[in-house]
Amino acid sequence: METGFVKVGDTSQIPLSSMKLYQINNQAILVCNVNGAFFAINGKCTHMGGDLSKGSLEGNIVTCPRHHSRFDVTTGKVVSHPKIPLIHPKIKDEQTYEVKIENGSVMLKL
């Protein structure tokens, strides 16, 4: 087994087009299943810390439930900024984590 990878769960816990939040070393990490491929990003919105797992996943885009910031889960890049009237805050991209699947287990490189 390669070093640096940690098992966080099983692929069966994250059906197609869904996501699951894991707490690892006091870090919220969101694992998403996009068309059978798994991706992981920081689970808190970079705007005001909204829980991305409570948002929606459409294709490879996760939308924060708080102010509707949108991120590409495959790259962590901001797709659209918060929707707040008269204010246009700039937010950072999400941190991404390398994911591999091993015998049905979701493994993250931290």
Protein backbone atom coordinates (compact mmCIF):
# COMPACT_ATOMS: atom_id res chain seq x y z
CA MET A 1 0.00 0.00 0.00
CA GLU A 2 1.27 3.47 -0.87
CA THR A 3 2.17 5.71 2.01
CA GLY A 4 0.13 8.81 2.75
CA PHE A 5 -3.23 7.31 1.81
CA VAL A 6 -5.88 6.87 4.50
CA LYS A 7 -9.10 4.86 4.18
CA VAL A 8 -12.10 7.11 4.83
CA GLY A 9 -14.99 4.89 3.78
CA ASP A 10 -16.39 2.55 1.18
CA THR A 11 -17.52 3.41 -2.34
CA SER A 12 -20.95 1.94 -1.46
CA GLN A 13 -21.47 4.84 0.98
CA ILE A 14 -21.29 7.37 -1.87
CA PRO A 15 -23.68 6.46 -4.71
CA LEU A 16 -23.45 8.05 -8.17
CA SER A 17 -24.00 11.84 -8.14
CA SER A 18 -23.79 12.08 -4.36
CA MET A 19 -21.33 13.30 -1.76
CA LYS A 20 -20.35 12.49 1.81
CA LEU A 21 -18.54 14.56 4.42
CA TYR A 22 -15.76 12.97 6.46
CA GLN A 23 -13.98 14.44 9.49
CA ILE A 24 -10.29 13.55 9.31
CA ASN A 25 -7.77 15.06 11.72
CA ASN A 26 -10.23 17.89 12.57
CA GLN A 27 -10.58 18.62 8.86
CA ALA A 28 -13.90 18.43 6.97
CA ILE A 29 -13.32 16.68 3.64
CA LEU A 30 -16.07 16.23 1.08
CA VAL A 31 -15.86 13.15 -1.16
CA CYS A 32 -18.00 13.27 -4.31
CA ASN A 33 -18.95 10.57 -6.80
CA VAL A 34 -19.13 12.12 -10.27
CA ASN A 35 -20.10 9.56 -12.91
CA GLY A 36 -18.29 6.80 -10.99
CA ALA A 37 -15.10 8.84 -10.43
CA PHE A 38 -14.33 10.02 -6.92
CA PHE A 39 -13.02 13.47 -6.00
CA ALA A 40 -12.30 15.13 -2.66
CA ILE A 41 -12.22 18.79 -1.67
CA ASN A 42 -12.28 20.78 1.53
CA GLY A 43 -15.80 20.44 2.95
CA LYS A 44 -16.21 24.04 4.13
CA CYS A 45 -16.95 26.91 1.76
CA THR A 46 -14.06 29.34 1.45
CA HIS A 47 -16.49 32.26 1.72
CA MET A 48 -17.98 31.87 5.22
CA GLY A 49 -17.39 28.23 6.09
CA GLY A 50 -20.73 26.83 4.92
CA ASP A 51 -21.03 23.04 5.04
CA LEU A 52 -20.79 22.01 1.38
CA SER A 53 -22.24 18.57 2.17
CA LYS A 54 -25.56 20.30 2.92
CA GLY A 55 -25.50 21.93 -0.52
CA SER A 56 -26.24 20.34 -3.86
CA LEU A 57 -24.09 18.41 -6.33
CA GLU A 58 -25.00 18.76 -10.01
CA GLY A 59 -22.55 16.98 -12.27
CA ASN A 60 -19.14 18.08 -11.01
CA ILE A 61 -20.38 21.34 -9.41
CA VAL A 62 -21.15 21.64 -5.70
CA THR A 63 -23.20 24.63 -4.52
CA CYS A 64 -22.86 25.99 -1.00
CA PRO A 65 -26.20 26.18 0.83
CA ARG A 66 -25.37 29.53 2.47
CA HIS A 67 -24.69 32.05 -0.29
CA HIS A 68 -24.64 29.75 -3.33
CA SER A 69 -20.93 29.86 -4.12
CA ARG A 70 -20.16 27.09 -6.61
CA PHE A 71 -17.04 24.95 -6.92
CA ASP A 72 -15.83 22.36 -9.43
CA VAL A 73 -15.15 19.27 -7.30
CA THR A 74 -12.72 17.88 -9.89
CA THR A 75 -10.36 20.87 -9.58
CA GLY A 76 -11.48 22.81 -6.49
CA LYS A 77 -11.84 25.95 -8.64
CA VAL A 78 -14.48 28.60 -7.91
CA VAL A 79 -17.16 28.48 -10.63
CA SER A 80 -19.29 31.32 -9.25
CA HIS A 81 -18.95 33.65 -6.29
CA PRO A 82 -21.47 34.16 -3.45
CA LYS A 83 -24.86 35.56 -4.40
CA ILE A 84 -25.18 38.46 -1.97
CA PRO A 85 -27.00 41.64 -3.13
CA LEU A 86 -24.67 44.63 -3.66
CA ILE A 87 -21.64 42.74 -2.37
CA HIS A 88 -19.28 40.78 -4.60
CA PRO A 89 -16.73 39.11 -2.35
CA LYS A 90 -13.83 37.26 -3.93
CA ILE A 91 -13.31 33.78 -2.54
CA LYS A 92 -10.51 31.25 -2.80
CA ASP A 93 -10.53 27.92 -4.59
CA GLU A 94 -11.09 24.82 -2.47
CA GLN A 95 -8.20 22.58 -1.50
CA THR A 96 -8.33 19.23 -3.29
CA TYR A 97 -7.13 15.82 -2.15
CA GLU A 98 -5.89 12.91 -4.21
CA VAL A 99 -8.34 10.00 -4.17
CA LYS A 100 -7.83 6.38 -5.12
CA ILE A 101 -10.16 3.41 -4.90
CA GLU A 102 -8.70 0.20 -3.54
CA ASN A 103 -10.88 -2.93 -3.17
CA GLY A 104 -14.03 -0.82 -2.78
CA SER A 105 -12.42 1.50 -0.23
CA VAL A 106 -12.13 5.27 -0.72
CA MET A 107 -8.56 6.27 0.06
CA LEU A 108 -7.40 9.89 0.47
CA LYS A 109 -3.89 11.27 0.38
CA LEU A 110 -3.67 13.84 3.15
